[in-house]
Amino acid sequence: MPLPRVLQQVPFPVIGAPLFIVSNPKLVLAQCTAGIVGSMPALNARPASQLDEWLAEITEGLAAWNKAHPERPAAPYAINQIVHKTNDRLEHDMQVCAKYKVPIVITSLGARTDINDAVHGWGGIVLHDVINNTFAKKAIEKGADGLILVAAGAGGHAGVKSPFALVSEIREWFDGPVALSGAIATGGGVLAAQAMGADFAYIGSAFVATQEARASEAYKQCIVDSNSDDIVYSSLFTGVHGNYLKPSIRAAGMDPDNLPESDPSKMNFGGGESSSKAWKDIWGCGQGIGAVKAVLPAGELVARLKREYAAARSRALDAAPALA
């Protein structure tokens, strides 16, 4: 199946993952103008009225870029919606997205036919993130256009499936758009995601350590200084299992190697102060951060990914005769 037209407009096969609290219009614009899909959660706009201002900023910024660079138009952007019963802003935020005809909506923590129908009504597409084959089938049955496979090692809320198993199982029955998430922070990882059968790599944690990201300098530097040994998988902080930086957990007075489990019924994504506190003090992060060596402008990070991608592709082509 050919990709939807909006995804055919992405010059480099990467989607910048929406980063709760961290993503903002400045980062989205930097990602899109560098040639990848930029995204942010609707809930990052606080108060809710700020979402209108932010979508206006993104829309106007991309239009200005495209006018000034007709030979190198920006990639489209995406807005993440938390489709969970505790998100009391969902209806409001969807109305704002409709006003701006957001081209790509990423849905999380719940698949709903009415949400998908609404996005299709204004001409957008829906990508739904999933951690297993069962959730993937439910999302497509309810009208999602594509899937984001959140495999083991991804930052924030993440699954436990190997990307090899997850992509293989889903590609047995689904030939639509697929993005793969899970410890991807190099251009070689982007190429590997495509080789496994994904259309896009879905990269989040590496973009926390960029100049445009709305993260504390301590958070950014912790990513630079850490590697996969510094990541812990826990449900304690939001009620859903995710990956976090151990140093931030120690700084909060807890032992990252002996954390209790949380009650999933305690989940809260409603947009209030209580729902953001854990993410502000406990830093979500994936296992791929060993590749992050410095805090860079987002455009420079994308440029590095492109160089690494070209080099990895060249190595693969050189090795092809030996594999034949």
Protein backbone atom coordinates (compact mmCIF):
# COMPACT_ATOMS: atom_id res chain seq x y z
CA MET A 1 0.00 0.00 0.00
CA PRO A 2 1.44 3.44 -0.89
CA LEU A 3 1.93 5.88 1.94
CA PRO A 4 -0.72 8.57 2.44
CA ARG A 5 0.17 11.73 0.54
CA VAL A 6 1.06 13.67 3.69
CA LEU A 7 3.68 11.05 4.64
CA GLN A 8 5.10 11.09 1.12
CA GLN A 9 6.05 14.70 1.88
CA VAL A 10 8.59 13.66 4.54
CA PRO A 11 12.11 13.98 3.04
CA PHE A 12 13.89 11.84 5.67
CA PRO A 13 12.13 8.78 7.19
CA VAL A 14 11.97 9.95 10.80
CA ILE A 15 9.14 11.11 13.04
CA GLY A 16 10.20 13.11 16.08
CA ALA A 17 8.21 11.61 18.94
CA PRO A 18 5.97 13.90 21.02
CA LEU A 19 7.74 14.54 24.32
CA PHE A 20 5.46 15.26 27.27
CA ILE A 21 6.29 18.70 28.74
CA VAL A 22 9.47 18.90 26.59
CA SER A 23 8.15 19.41 23.03
CA ASN A 24 7.11 22.92 22.01
CA PRO A 25 6.54 24.88 18.78
CA LYS A 26 10.21 25.85 18.57
CA LEU A 27 11.29 22.20 18.54
CA VAL A 28 8.50 21.17 16.16
CA LEU A 29 9.48 23.87 13.68
CA ALA A 30 13.17 22.93 13.89
CA GLN A 31 12.35 19.27 13.23
CA CYS A 32 10.00 19.97 10.31
CA THR A 33 12.34 22.41 8.60
CA ALA A 34 15.16 19.88 8.97
CA GLY A 35 13.10 17.37 6.98
CA ILE A 36 11.43 15.12 9.57
CA VAL A 37 7.97 15.08 11.11
CA GLY A 38 7.94 17.26 14.21
CA SER A 39 5.37 16.61 16.89
CA MET A 40 4.18 17.61 20.34
CA PRO A 41 1.46 16.55 22.78
CA ALA A 42 -1.59 18.80 22.86
CA LEU A 43 -1.37 18.64 26.66
CA ASN A 44 1.97 20.48 26.60
CA ALA A 45 0.04 23.69 25.97
CA ARG A 46 -0.95 24.95 29.41
CA PRO A 47 -3.47 26.46 29.89
CA ALA A 48 -5.59 24.81 27.22
CA SER A 49 -6.10 28.15 25.46
CA GLN A 50 -2.39 28.18 24.61
CA LEU A 51 -2.87 25.32 22.13
CA ASP A 52 -4.53 27.70 19.67
CA GLU A 53 -1.58 30.08 19.94
CA TRP A 54 0.94 27.27 19.47
CA LEU A 55 -0.79 25.80 16.42
CA ALA A 56 -0.96 29.27 14.89
CA GLU A 57 2.79 29.67 15.53
CA ILE A 58 3.57 26.31 13.91
CA THR A 59 1.26 26.89 10.93
CA GLU A 60 2.60 30.37 10.25
CA GLY A 61 6.20 29.31 10.79
CA LEU A 62 5.97 26.45 8.32
CA ALA A 63 4.23 28.64 5.74
CA ALA A 64 6.98 31.24 6.05
CA TRP A 65 9.68 28.59 5.68
CA ASN A 66 8.06 27.07 2.60
CA LYS A 67 7.71 30.49 0.98
CA ALA A 68 11.39 31.23 1.60
CA HIS A 69 12.60 27.73 0.67
CA PRO A 70 10.42 26.42 -2.18
CA GLU A 71 13.20 24.05 -3.19
CA ARG A 72 13.28 22.51 0.30
CA PRO A 73 9.78 22.53 1.83
CA ALA A 74 9.29 21.53 5.44
CA ALA A 75 7.95 18.16 6.51
CA PRO A 76 4.41 18.06 7.99
CA TYR A 77 3.81 18.20 11.73
CA ALA A 78 1.82 16.04 14.14
CA ILE A 79 -0.10 16.59 17.35
CA ASN A 80 -0.37 13.86 19.98
CA GLN A 81 -3.71 13.29 21.72
CA ILE A 82 -3.99 11.20 24.89
CA VAL A 83 -7.22 9.25 24.33
CA HIS A 84 -7.72 8.26 27.95
CA LYS A 85 -10.73 8.83 30.17
CA THR A 86 -8.74 11.08 32.52
CA ASN A 87 -7.91 13.54 29.75
CA ASP A 88 -10.69 16.07 30.27
CA ARG A 89 -9.18 18.33 27.58
CA LEU A 90 -9.56 15.91 24.68
CA GLU A 91 -12.73 17.41 23.19
CA HIS A 92 -11.39 20.96 23.44
CA ASP A 93 -8.01 20.05 21.99
CA MET A 94 -9.59 18.14 19.10
CA GLN A 95 -11.66 21.21 18.23
CA VAL A 96 -8.51 23.32 18.07
CA CYS A 97 -6.81 20.70 15.90
CA ALA A 98 -9.82 20.78 13.58
CA LYS A 99 -9.53 24.58 13.30
CA TYR A 100 -5.96 24.24 12.00
CA LYS A 101 -6.57 21.02 10.07
CA VAL A 102 -3.64 19.31 11.76
CA PRO A 103 -2.20 16.97 9.09
CA ILE A 104 -1.17 14.12 11.41
CA VAL A 105 -2.68 13.17 14.76
CA ILE A 106 -0.87 10.65 16.96
CA THR A 107 -3.21 8.91 19.38
CA SER A 108 -2.10 7.20 22.58
CA LEU A 109 -3.63 5.22 25.44
CA GLY A 110 -6.90 4.48 23.71
CA ALA A 111 -8.26 4.00 20.19
CA ARG A 112 -11.62 5.59 19.37
CA THR A 113 -13.55 5.53 16.12
CA ASP A 114 -15.04 8.98 16.70
CA ILE A 115 -11.59 10.55 17.11
CA ASN A 116 -10.36 8.91 13.92
CA ASP A 117 -13.47 9.96 12.02
CA ALA A 118 -13.02 13.55 13.18
CA VAL A 119 -9.44 13.68 11.92
CA HIS A 120 -10.44 12.15 8.59
CA GLY A 121 -13.21 14.74 8.37
CA TRP A 122 -10.72 17.60 8.11
CA GLY A 123 -8.37 15.64 5.83
CA GLY A 124 -5.80 14.46 8.36
CA ILE A 125 -4.48 10.99 9.15
CA VAL A 126 -4.18 9.13 12.43
CA LEU A 127 -1.17 7.16 13.65
CA HIS A 128 -1.84 5.15 16.80
CA ASP A 129 0.91 3.94 19.10
CA VAL A 130 0.80 0.32 20.25
CA ILE A 131 2.95 -2.08 22.23
CA ASN A 132 1.69 -5.37 20.84
CA ASN A 133 -0.15 -7.06 17.97
CA THR A 134 -3.50 -7.19 19.80
CA PHE A 135 -3.65 -3.43 20.34
CA ALA A 136 -2.49 -2.89 16.77
CA LYS A 137 -5.43 -4.82 15.34
CA LYS A 138 -7.90 -2.95 17.54
CA ALA A 139 -6.49 0.40 16.40
CA ILE A 140 -6.82 -0.44 12.72
CA GLU A 141 -10.32 -1.88 13.23
CA LYS A 142 -11.33 1.47 14.76
CA GLY A 143 -10.04 3.44 11.79
CA ALA A 144 -6.43 4.41 12.45
CA ASP A 145 -4.44 4.92 9.24
CA GLY A 146 -1.10 3.74 10.57
CA LEU A 147 0.74 2.38 13.58
CA ILE A 148 3.60 3.45 15.79
CA LEU A 149 5.20 0.33 17.24
CA VAL A 150 6.60 1.14 20.67
CA ALA A 151 9.11 -1.64 21.20
CA ALA A 152 11.47 -2.46 24.07
CA GLY A 153 13.85 0.31 25.03
CA ALA A 154 11.68 3.25 23.98
CA GLY A 155 11.58 6.34 26.16
CA GLY A 156 8.60 7.14 28.35
CA HIS A 157 5.70 4.70 28.10
CA ALA A 158 7.12 1.65 26.34
CA GLY A 159 6.46 -2.00 25.63
CA VAL A 160 8.66 -5.03 26.15
CA LYS A 161 8.52 -6.65 22.69
CA SER A 162 11.62 -6.99 20.54
CA PRO A 163 11.32 -4.73 17.50
CA PHE A 164 12.13 -7.73 15.30
CA ALA A 165 9.15 -9.68 16.65
CA LEU A 166 6.77 -6.71 16.74
CA VAL A 167 7.38 -5.52 13.18
CA SER A 168 7.34 -9.04 11.80
CA GLU A 169 4.02 -9.97 13.43
CA ILE A 170 2.27 -6.79 12.39
CA ARG A 171 3.57 -6.84 8.83
CA GLU A 172 1.96 -10.28 8.40
CA TRP A 173 -1.45 -8.58 8.19
CA PHE A 174 -0.93 -4.80 7.89
CA ASP A 175 0.63 -3.09 4.87
CA GLY A 176 -0.12 0.51 5.86
CA PRO A 177 2.18 3.12 7.42
CA VAL A 178 4.37 1.86 10.26
CA ALA A 179 6.82 3.77 12.43
CA LEU A 180 9.15 1.93 14.80
CA SER A 181 10.17 3.24 18.21
CA GLY A 182 12.67 1.79 20.65
CA ALA A 183 16.25 2.92 21.34
CA ILE A 184 16.76 4.49 17.90
CA ALA A 185 19.20 7.41 18.06
CA THR A 186 21.48 6.89 15.05
CA GLY A 187 21.14 6.96 11.29
CA GLY A 188 22.05 3.29 11.25
CA GLY A 189 19.08 2.65 13.49
CA VAL A 190 16.82 4.49 11.04
CA LEU A 191 18.04 2.26 8.20
CA ALA A 192 17.62 -0.85 10.37
CA ALA A 193 14.01 0.10 11.11
CA GLN A 194 13.35 0.26 7.37
CA ALA A 195 15.15 -3.04 6.78
CA MET A 196 12.86 -4.71 9.32
CA GLY A 197 9.79 -3.45 7.49
CA ALA A 198 8.96 -0.08 9.06
CA ASP A 199 8.45 3.02 6.94
CA PHE A 200 9.77 5.44 9.56
CA ALA A 201 11.93 5.52 12.65
CA TYR A 202 10.28 7.19 15.64
CA ILE A 203 12.88 9.06 17.71
CA GLY A 204 12.24 10.84 20.99
CA SER A 205 14.91 10.79 23.68
CA ALA A 206 17.71 12.14 21.50
CA PHE A 207 15.62 15.26 20.86
CA VAL A 208 15.32 16.00 24.59
CA ALA A 209 19.02 16.90 24.45
CA THR A 210 18.54 19.64 21.85
CA GLN A 211 18.72 23.37 22.30
CA GLU A 212 15.09 23.92 21.31
CA ALA A 213 13.64 21.33 23.70
CA ARG A 214 11.81 22.65 26.77
CA ALA A 215 13.77 20.51 29.20
CA SER A 216 16.00 21.59 32.05
CA GLU A 217 19.72 21.82 31.38
CA ALA A 218 20.23 19.14 34.04
CA TYR A 219 17.88 16.77 32.16
CA LYS A 220 19.69 17.39 28.88
CA GLN A 221 23.12 16.90 30.41
CA CYS A 222 21.99 13.73 32.16
CA ILE A 223 21.11 12.26 28.77
CA VAL A 224 24.52 13.23 27.40
CA ASP A 225 26.24 11.66 30.40
CA SER A 226 24.17 8.45 30.49
CA ASN A 227 23.77 5.22 28.55
CA SER A 228 21.45 2.21 28.53
CA ASP A 229 22.72 1.06 31.94
CA ASP A 230 21.16 4.20 33.42
CA ILE A 231 17.59 3.37 32.35
CA VAL A 232 14.98 1.72 34.57
CA TYR A 233 11.58 0.32 33.50
CA SER A 234 8.79 1.07 35.99
CA SER A 235 5.04 1.70 36.30
CA LEU A 236 5.39 3.68 39.54
CA PHE A 237 5.23 7.21 38.20
CA THR A 238 2.15 7.22 35.94
CA GLY A 239 0.54 3.81 36.34
CA VAL A 240 1.84 2.71 32.92
CA HIS A 241 5.22 1.03 32.45
CA GLY A 242 7.88 3.29 31.03
CA ASN A 243 11.63 3.91 30.89
CA TYR A 244 13.27 6.55 33.08
CA LEU A 245 16.69 7.90 33.94
CA LYS A 246 18.02 6.40 37.16
CA PRO A 247 19.85 9.58 38.29
CA SER A 248 16.56 11.51 38.36
CA ILE A 249 14.97 8.80 40.50
CA ARG A 250 17.88 8.87 42.95
CA ALA A 251 17.61 12.67 43.10
CA ALA A 252 13.97 12.24 44.16
CA GLY A 253 15.11 10.11 47.11
CA MET A 254 14.21 6.67 45.71
CA ASP A 255 16.20 3.56 44.87
CA PRO A 256 15.77 2.97 41.11
CA ASP A 257 16.64 -0.70 41.53
CA ASN A 258 13.91 -1.32 44.13
CA LEU A 259 10.79 0.52 43.00
CA PRO A 260 7.27 -0.64 43.87
CA GLU A 261 4.67 -1.19 41.18
CA SER A 262 1.78 1.25 40.69
CA ASP A 263 -1.96 0.71 40.43
CA PRO A 264 -3.00 1.32 36.78
CA SER A 265 -6.27 2.82 38.04
CA LYS A 266 -4.23 5.74 39.39
CA MET A 267 -3.32 6.94 35.90
CA ASN A 268 -3.90 10.65 35.36
CA PHE A 269 -3.49 12.39 32.01
CA GLY A 270 -5.98 15.17 32.57
CA GLY A 271 -3.61 18.06 32.04
CA GLY A 272 -3.53 19.35 35.61
CA GLU A 273 -0.49 19.97 37.77
CA SER A 274 -0.66 16.51 39.36
CA SER A 275 -0.45 14.78 36.00
CA SER A 276 2.76 16.57 35.03
CA LYS A 277 4.65 16.53 38.32
CA ALA A 278 6.07 13.03 37.94
CA TRP A 279 7.30 13.79 34.44
CA LYS A 280 8.84 17.06 35.57
CA ASP A 281 10.90 15.53 38.35
CA ILE A 282 11.40 11.98 37.02
CA TRP A 283 12.91 12.08 33.55
CA GLY A 284 11.61 9.73 30.87
CA CYS A 285 14.26 8.39 28.53
CA GLY A 286 14.97 5.46 26.22
CA GLN A 287 17.89 3.07 25.98
CA GLY A 288 19.42 4.58 22.83
CA ILE A 289 20.97 7.60 24.52
CA GLY A 290 24.52 6.24 24.45
CA ALA A 291 24.68 7.79 20.97
CA VAL A 292 23.93 11.28 22.34
CA LYS A 293 27.26 13.01 22.99
CA ALA A 294 26.30 16.69 23.20
CA VAL A 295 23.38 19.09 23.39
CA LEU A 296 22.86 20.28 19.81
CA PRO A 297 20.39 22.30 17.79
CA ALA A 298 17.71 19.92 16.50
CA GLY A 299 18.75 20.65 12.93
CA GLU A 300 22.29 19.48 13.67
CA LEU A 301 20.97 16.28 15.23
CA VAL A 302 18.93 15.56 12.09
CA ALA A 303 21.99 16.34 9.94
CA ARG A 304 23.98 13.78 11.94
CA LEU A 305 21.26 11.18 11.49
CA LYS A 306 21.29 11.80 7.74
CA ARG A 307 25.08 11.39 7.53
CA GLU A 308 24.97 8.19 9.54
CA TYR A 309 22.08 6.88 7.47
CA ALA A 310 24.01 7.46 4.23
CA ALA A 311 27.11 5.77 5.67
CA ALA A 312 25.13 2.78 6.94
CA ARG A 313 23.39 2.41 3.59
CA SER A 314 26.73 2.51 1.80
CA ARG A 315 28.12 -0.21 4.09
CA ALA A 316 25.03 -2.33 3.49
CA LEU A 317 25.42 -2.00 -0.28
CA ASP A 318 29.11 -2.87 -0.06
CA ALA A 319 28.22 -5.99 1.93
CA ALA A 320 25.45 -7.06 -0.46
CA PRO A 321 27.69 -9.09 -2.84
CA ALA A 322 29.08 -11.04 0.12
CA LEU A 323 25.55 -11.81 1.30
CA ALA A 324 24.33 -12.93 -2.10
